[in-house]
């Protein structure tokens, strides 16, 4: 269950690892939707640019093969996480600019460079963004327990022994006579 409350949500600092921390705006569907829209637009624009270049005789090995659906999907994912970063990150620490000044300004180029340089940071950012602290807090209050209910009652059964007991006089070690000597499944 998710509890909807009429209280202001605030930006929160998240640790992305490698000394990088980001101040994220409160999660909102509009931010995700805007990032998705920007990613699709960037892929469309790139397709048009590549078509124009090829039509003008520019052929290069640096140009991505957007006829491959996996390449298109990968670029769309990269553009999505970069756009989401641009819309969601208010500020950061642990990211230096090329001239060594710290922190680098939070710009589309700096975010793309960081996520391209360290894809593990991009993945961590996306995971943290998708993991709403408000939903997690609510989830902890009503987590399922082993019995399948959300509220654990006191245990009324006696503990079960952890090891099975053998019949009197039986040995735990296998013997030659305990191994089947013929097929145990019906003949085909």
C-alpha atoms as a PDB file:
ATOM      1  CA  UNK A   1       0.000   0.000   0.000  1.00  0.00           C
ATOM      2  CA  UNK A   2       1.169   3.528  -0.737  1.00  0.00           C
ATOM      3  CA  UNK A   3       0.005   6.321   1.519  1.00  0.00           C
ATOM      4  CA  UNK A   4      -0.699   9.590  -0.263  1.00  0.00           C
ATOM      5  CA  UNK A   5       0.017  12.531   1.991  1.00  0.00           C
ATOM      6  CA  UNK A   6      -0.473  16.215   1.485  1.00  0.00           C
ATOM      7  CA  UNK A   7       2.936  17.239   2.741  1.00  0.00           C
ATOM      8  CA  UNK A   8       5.714  18.940   0.841  1.00  0.00           C
ATOM      9  CA  UNK A   9       8.404  16.690  -0.573  1.00  0.00           C
ATOM     10  CA  UNK A  10      11.941  17.987  -0.395  1.00  0.00           C
ATOM     11  CA  UNK A  11      15.158  17.468  -2.310  1.00  0.00           C
ATOM     12  CA  UNK A  12      17.464  14.818  -0.856  1.00  0.00           C
ATOM     13  CA  UNK A  13      21.163  14.010  -1.139  1.00  0.00           C
ATOM     14  CA  UNK A  14      21.999  10.584  -2.579  1.00  0.00           C
ATOM     15  CA  UNK A  15      25.386   8.859  -2.725  1.00  0.00           C
ATOM     16  CA  UNK A  16      26.212   7.480  -6.193  1.00  0.00           C
ATOM     17  CA  UNK A  17      29.551   6.004  -5.156  1.00  0.00           C
ATOM     18  CA  UNK A  18      33.089   6.955  -6.159  1.00  0.00           C
ATOM     19  CA  UNK A  19      32.782  10.108  -4.062  1.00  0.00           C
ATOM     20  CA  UNK A  20      29.894  11.482  -6.142  1.00  0.00           C
ATOM     21  CA  UNK A  21      26.828  12.791  -4.271  1.00  0.00           C
ATOM     22  CA  UNK A  22      23.825  14.426  -5.898  1.00  0.00           C
ATOM     23  CA  UNK A  23      21.016  16.578  -4.562  1.00  0.00           C
ATOM     24  CA  UNK A  24      17.891  15.218  -6.253  1.00  0.00           C
ATOM     25  CA  UNK A  25      14.686  17.117  -6.721  1.00  0.00           C
ATOM     26  CA  UNK A  26      11.634  15.379  -5.254  1.00  0.00           C
ATOM     27  CA  UNK A  27      10.491  12.519  -7.480  1.00  0.00           C
ATOM     28  CA  UNK A  28       7.715  13.462  -9.859  1.00  0.00           C
ATOM     29  CA  UNK A  29       6.137  11.811 -12.856  1.00  0.00           C
ATOM     30  CA  UNK A  30       6.569  15.016 -14.880  1.00  0.00           C
ATOM     31  CA  UNK A  31      10.360  14.748 -14.542  1.00  0.00           C
ATOM     32  CA  UNK A  32      10.353  11.133 -15.782  1.00  0.00           C
ATOM     33  CA  UNK A  33       7.991  11.967 -18.617  1.00  0.00           C
ATOM     34  CA  UNK A  34      10.050  14.987 -19.701  1.00  0.00           C
ATOM     35  CA  UNK A  35      13.226  12.867 -19.671  1.00  0.00           C
ATOM     36  CA  UNK A  36      11.569  10.139 -21.742  1.00  0.00           C
ATOM     37  CA  UNK A  37      10.287  12.702 -24.228  1.00  0.00           C
ATOM     38  CA  UNK A  38      13.739  14.302 -24.497  1.00  0.00           C
ATOM     39  CA  UNK A  39      15.348  10.887 -25.089  1.00  0.00           C
ATOM     40  CA  UNK A  40      12.936  10.061 -27.932  1.00  0.00           C
ATOM     41  CA  UNK A  41      13.452  13.501 -29.472  1.00  0.00           C
ATOM     42  CA  UNK A  42      17.257  13.107 -29.327  1.00  0.00           C
ATOM     43  CA  UNK A  43      17.085   9.722 -31.070  1.00  0.00           C
ATOM     44  CA  UNK A  44      14.790  11.172 -33.778  1.00  0.00           C
ATOM     45  CA  UNK A  45      17.103  14.176 -34.228  1.00  0.00           C
ATOM     46  CA  UNK A  46      20.128  11.897 -34.462  1.00  0.00           C
ATOM     47  CA  UNK A  47      18.386   9.744 -37.085  1.00  0.00           C
ATOM     48  CA  UNK A  48      17.577  12.834 -39.159  1.00  0.00           C
ATOM     49  CA  UNK A  49      21.141  14.154 -38.817  1.00  0.00           C
ATOM     50  CA  UNK A  50      22.646  10.826 -39.875  1.00  0.00           C
ATOM     51  CA  UNK A  51      20.276  10.583 -42.832  1.00  0.00           C
ATOM     52  CA  UNK A  52      21.268  14.103 -43.929  1.00  0.00           C
ATOM     53  CA  UNK A  53      24.987  13.317 -43.555  1.00  0.00           C
ATOM     54  CA  UNK A  54      24.681  10.104 -45.562  1.00  0.00           C
ATOM     55  CA  UNK A  55      22.594  11.865 -48.236  1.00  0.00           C
ATOM     56  CA  UNK A  56      25.430  14.393 -48.584  1.00  0.00           C
ATOM     57  CA  UNK A  57      28.025  11.656 -48.965  1.00  0.00           C
ATOM     58  CA  UNK A  58      29.462  11.835 -45.460  1.00  0.00           C
ATOM     59  CA  UNK A  59      30.272   8.319 -44.395  1.00  0.00           C
ATOM     60  CA  UNK A  60      32.295   7.646 -41.310  1.00  0.00           C
ATOM     61  CA  UNK A  61      33.076   4.850 -38.967  1.00  0.00           C
ATOM     62  CA  UNK A  62      32.195   7.127 -36.036  1.00  0.00           C
ATOM     63  CA  UNK A  63      28.535   7.241 -37.052  1.00  0.00           C
ATOM     64  CA  UNK A  64      26.344   4.832 -35.084  1.00  0.00           C
ATOM     65  CA  UNK A  65      24.354   2.248 -37.021  1.00  0.00           C
ATOM     66  CA  UNK A  66      20.835   3.274 -36.035  1.00  0.00           C
ATOM     67  CA  UNK A  67      19.327   0.620 -38.289  1.00  0.00           C
ATOM     68  CA  UNK A  68      20.210  -1.803 -35.467  1.00  0.00           C
ATOM     69  CA  UNK A  69      17.312  -1.749 -32.962  1.00  0.00           C
ATOM     70  CA  UNK A  70      19.645  -2.617 -30.070  1.00  0.00           C
ATOM     71  CA  UNK A  71      21.867   0.384 -30.842  1.00  0.00           C
ATOM     72  CA  UNK A  72      18.781   2.626 -31.024  1.00  0.00           C
ATOM     73  CA  UNK A  73      17.504   1.245 -27.707  1.00  0.00           C
ATOM     74  CA  UNK A  74      20.899   1.703 -26.072  1.00  0.00           C
ATOM     75  CA  UNK A  75      21.118   5.293 -27.266  1.00  0.00           C
ATOM     76  CA  UNK A  76      17.560   5.962 -26.097  1.00  0.00           C
ATOM     77  CA  UNK A  77      18.420   4.559 -22.647  1.00  0.00           C
ATOM     78  CA  UNK A  78      21.588   6.666 -22.464  1.00  0.00           C
ATOM     79  CA  UNK A  79      19.694   9.785 -23.553  1.00  0.00           C
ATOM     80  CA  UNK A  80      16.967   9.008 -20.997  1.00  0.00           C
ATOM     81  CA  UNK A  81      19.316   8.717 -18.011  1.00  0.00           C
ATOM     82  CA  UNK A  82      21.206  11.836 -19.138  1.00  0.00           C
ATOM     83  CA  UNK A  83      17.971  13.821 -19.505  1.00  0.00           C
ATOM     84  CA  UNK A  84      16.670  12.515 -16.203  1.00  0.00           C
ATOM     85  CA  UNK A  85      19.926  13.611 -14.600  1.00  0.00           C
ATOM     86  CA  UNK A  86      19.579  17.069 -16.091  1.00  0.00           C
ATOM     87  CA  UNK A  87      16.016  17.462 -14.799  1.00  0.00           C
ATOM     88  CA  UNK A  88      16.509  15.755 -11.411  1.00  0.00           C
ATOM     89  CA  UNK A  89      19.988  16.805 -10.204  1.00  0.00           C
ATOM     90  CA  UNK A  90      19.997  20.211  -8.511  1.00  0.00           C
ATOM     91  CA  UNK A  91      23.653  20.111  -7.466  1.00  0.00           C
ATOM     92  CA  UNK A  92      26.449  17.653  -6.831  1.00  0.00           C
ATOM     93  CA  UNK A  93      29.768  17.097  -5.139  1.00  0.00           C
ATOM     94  CA  UNK A  94      32.657  14.903  -6.184  1.00  0.00           C
ATOM     95  CA  UNK A  95      32.519  15.876  -9.859  1.00  0.00           C
ATOM     96  CA  UNK A  96      35.353  18.095 -11.059  1.00  0.00           C
ATOM     97  CA  UNK A  97      35.445  20.024 -14.298  1.00  0.00           C
ATOM     98  CA  UNK A  98      38.223  19.477 -16.837  1.00  0.00           C
ATOM     99  CA  UNK A  99      40.220  22.397 -15.417  1.00  0.00           C
ATOM    100  CA  UNK A 100      40.153  20.795 -11.957  1.00  0.00           C
ATOM    101  CA  UNK A 101      37.660  23.164 -10.390  1.00  0.00           C
ATOM    102  CA  UNK A 102      35.279  21.437  -8.069  1.00  0.00           C
ATOM    103  CA  UNK A 103      32.428  20.958  -8.340  1.00  0.00           C
ATOM    104  CA  UNK A 104      31.770  21.089 -12.042  1.00  0.00           C
ATOM    105  CA  UNK A 105      28.564  22.905 -12.961  1.00  0.00           C
ATOM    106  CA  UNK A 106      25.557  20.632 -13.411  1.00  0.00           C
ATOM    107  CA  UNK A 107      25.031  20.875 -17.168  1.00  0.00           C
ATOM    108  CA  UNK A 108      23.786  18.491 -19.854  1.00  0.00           C
ATOM    109  CA  UNK A 109      27.354  18.049 -21.111  1.00  0.00           C
ATOM    110  CA  UNK A 110      28.803  17.409 -17.645  1.00  0.00           C
ATOM    111  CA  UNK A 111      26.074  14.867 -16.840  1.00  0.00           C
ATOM    112  CA  UNK A 112      26.566  13.074 -20.176  1.00  0.00           C
ATOM    113  CA  UNK A 113      30.344  13.026 -19.631  1.00  0.00           C
ATOM    114  CA  UNK A 114      29.981  11.645 -16.091  1.00  0.00           C
ATOM    115  CA  UNK A 115      27.509   8.938 -17.095  1.00  0.00           C
ATOM    116  CA  UNK A 116      29.542   7.965 -20.187  1.00  0.00           C
ATOM    117  CA  UNK A 117      32.772   7.886 -18.172  1.00  0.00           C
ATOM    118  CA  UNK A 118      31.263   5.816 -15.359  1.00  0.00           C
ATOM    119  CA  UNK A 119      28.203   3.819 -16.457  1.00  0.00           C
ATOM    120  CA  UNK A 120      28.020   2.299 -12.969  1.00  0.00           C
ATOM    121  CA  UNK A 121      27.218   5.787 -11.650  1.00  0.00           C
ATOM    122  CA  UNK A 122      24.495   6.201 -14.290  1.00  0.00           C
ATOM    123  CA  UNK A 123      22.991   2.844 -13.265  1.00  0.00           C
ATOM    124  CA  UNK A 124      23.175   3.747  -9.571  1.00  0.00           C
ATOM    125  CA  UNK A 125      21.532   7.128 -10.272  1.00  0.00           C
ATOM    126  CA  UNK A 126      18.686   5.473 -12.173  1.00  0.00           C
ATOM    127  CA  UNK A 127      18.195   2.879  -9.431  1.00  0.00           C
ATOM    128  CA  UNK A 128      18.098   5.551  -6.728  1.00  0.00           C
ATOM    129  CA  UNK A 129      15.710   7.710  -8.723  1.00  0.00           C
ATOM    130  CA  UNK A 130      13.341   4.783  -9.255  1.00  0.00           C
ATOM    131  CA  UNK A 131      13.516   3.901  -5.550  1.00  0.00           C
ATOM    132  CA  UNK A 132      11.327   6.503  -3.900  1.00  0.00           C
ATOM    133  CA  UNK A 133      12.185   6.987  -0.212  1.00  0.00           C
ATOM    134  CA  UNK A 134       8.537   7.732   0.571  1.00  0.00           C
ATOM    135  CA  UNK A 135       7.380   4.432  -0.941  1.00  0.00           C
ATOM    136  CA  UNK A 136      10.210   2.522   0.780  1.00  0.00           C
ATOM    137  CA  UNK A 137       9.283   4.003   4.156  1.00  0.00           C
ATOM    138  CA  UNK A 138       5.667   2.933   3.648  1.00  0.00           C
ATOM    139  CA  UNK A 139       6.756  -0.492   2.422  1.00  0.00           C
ATOM    140  CA  UNK A 140       8.796  -1.119   5.582  1.00  0.00           C
ATOM    141  CA  UNK A 141       5.681  -0.543   7.666  1.00  0.00           C
ATOM    142  CA  UNK A 142       3.735  -3.236   5.841  1.00  0.00           C
ATOM    143  CA  UNK A 143       6.292  -5.753   4.601  1.00  0.00           C
ATOM    144  CA  UNK A 144       5.160  -9.334   4.204  1.00  0.00           C
ATOM    145  CA  UNK A 145       6.543 -11.915   6.579  1.00  0.00           C
ATOM    146  CA  UNK A 146       7.246 -15.584   5.944  1.00  0.00           C
ATOM    147  CA  UNK A 147       3.671 -16.596   6.731  1.00  0.00           C
ATOM    148  CA  UNK A 148       2.395 -14.394   3.890  1.00  0.00           C
ATOM    149  CA  UNK A 149       0.636 -11.824   6.040  1.00  0.00           C
ATOM    150  CA  UNK A 150       1.681  -8.263   6.689  1.00  0.00           C
ATOM    151  CA  UNK A 151       1.456  -8.536  10.478  1.00  0.00           C
ATOM    152  CA  UNK A 152       3.438 -11.161  12.340  1.00  0.00           C
ATOM    153  CA  UNK A 153       1.642 -12.877  15.236  1.00  0.00           C
ATOM    154  CA  UNK A 154       3.385 -14.619  18.103  1.00  0.00           C
ATOM    155  CA  UNK A 155       4.578 -18.148  17.318  1.00  0.00           C
ATOM    156  CA  UNK A 156       2.460 -20.775  19.118  1.00  0.00           C
ATOM    157  CA  UNK A 157       4.072 -23.925  17.674  1.00  0.00           C
ATOM    158  CA  UNK A 158       6.979 -25.722  19.290  1.00  0.00           C
ATOM    159  CA  UNK A 159      10.306 -25.449  17.439  1.00  0.00           C
ATOM    160  CA  UNK A 160      11.007 -28.201  14.917  1.00  0.00           C
ATOM    161  CA  UNK A 161      14.328 -30.063  15.241  1.00  0.00           C
ATOM    162  CA  UNK A 162      16.811 -28.914  12.625  1.00  0.00           C
ATOM    163  CA  UNK A 163      18.085 -32.424  11.808  1.00  0.00           C
ATOM    164  CA  UNK A 164      15.931 -35.410  10.956  1.00  0.00           C
ATOM    165  CA  UNK A 165      16.389 -38.339  13.305  1.00  0.00           C
ATOM    166  CA  UNK A 166      17.255 -41.766  11.890  1.00  0.00           C
ATOM    167  CA  UNK A 167      15.481 -44.994  12.718  1.00  0.00           C
ATOM    168  CA  UNK A 168      17.091 -46.844  15.624  1.00  0.00           C
ATOM    169  CA  UNK A 169      20.158 -48.775  14.430  1.00  0.00           C
ATOM    170  CA  UNK A 170      20.317 -46.949  11.042  1.00  0.00           C
ATOM    171  CA  UNK A 171      23.508 -45.336   9.761  1.00  0.00           C
ATOM    172  CA  UNK A 172      23.714 -42.020   7.919  1.00  0.00           C
ATOM    173  CA  UNK A 173      26.519 -43.313   5.668  1.00  0.00           C
ATOM    174  CA  UNK A 174      25.413 -44.835   2.319  1.00  0.00           C
ATOM    175  CA  UNK A 175      26.136 -48.500   1.727  1.00  0.00           C
ATOM    176  CA  UNK A 176      26.517 -50.526  -1.452  1.00  0.00           C
ATOM    177  CA  UNK A 177      23.086 -52.074  -0.932  1.00  0.00           C
ATOM    178  CA  UNK A 178      21.419 -48.664  -0.667  1.00  0.00           C
ATOM    179  CA  UNK A 179      22.212 -47.761  -4.280  1.00  0.00           C
ATOM    180  CA  UNK A 180      19.679 -48.971  -6.911  1.00  0.00           C
ATOM    181  CA  UNK A 181      21.118 -51.536  -9.290  1.00  0.00           C
ATOM    182  CA  UNK A 182      18.428 -51.303 -11.945  1.00  0.00           C
ATOM    183  CA  UNK A 183      16.531 -48.522 -13.710  1.00  0.00           C
ATOM    184  CA  UNK A 184      14.013 -46.879 -11.487  1.00  0.00           C
ATOM    185  CA  UNK A 185      11.947 -45.252 -14.226  1.00  0.00           C
ATOM    186  CA  UNK A 186       9.497 -47.168 -16.398  1.00  0.00           C
ATOM    187  CA  UNK A 187      10.894 -48.421 -19.698  1.00  0.00           C
ATOM    188  CA  UNK A 188      10.041 -46.325 -22.708  1.00  0.00           C
END
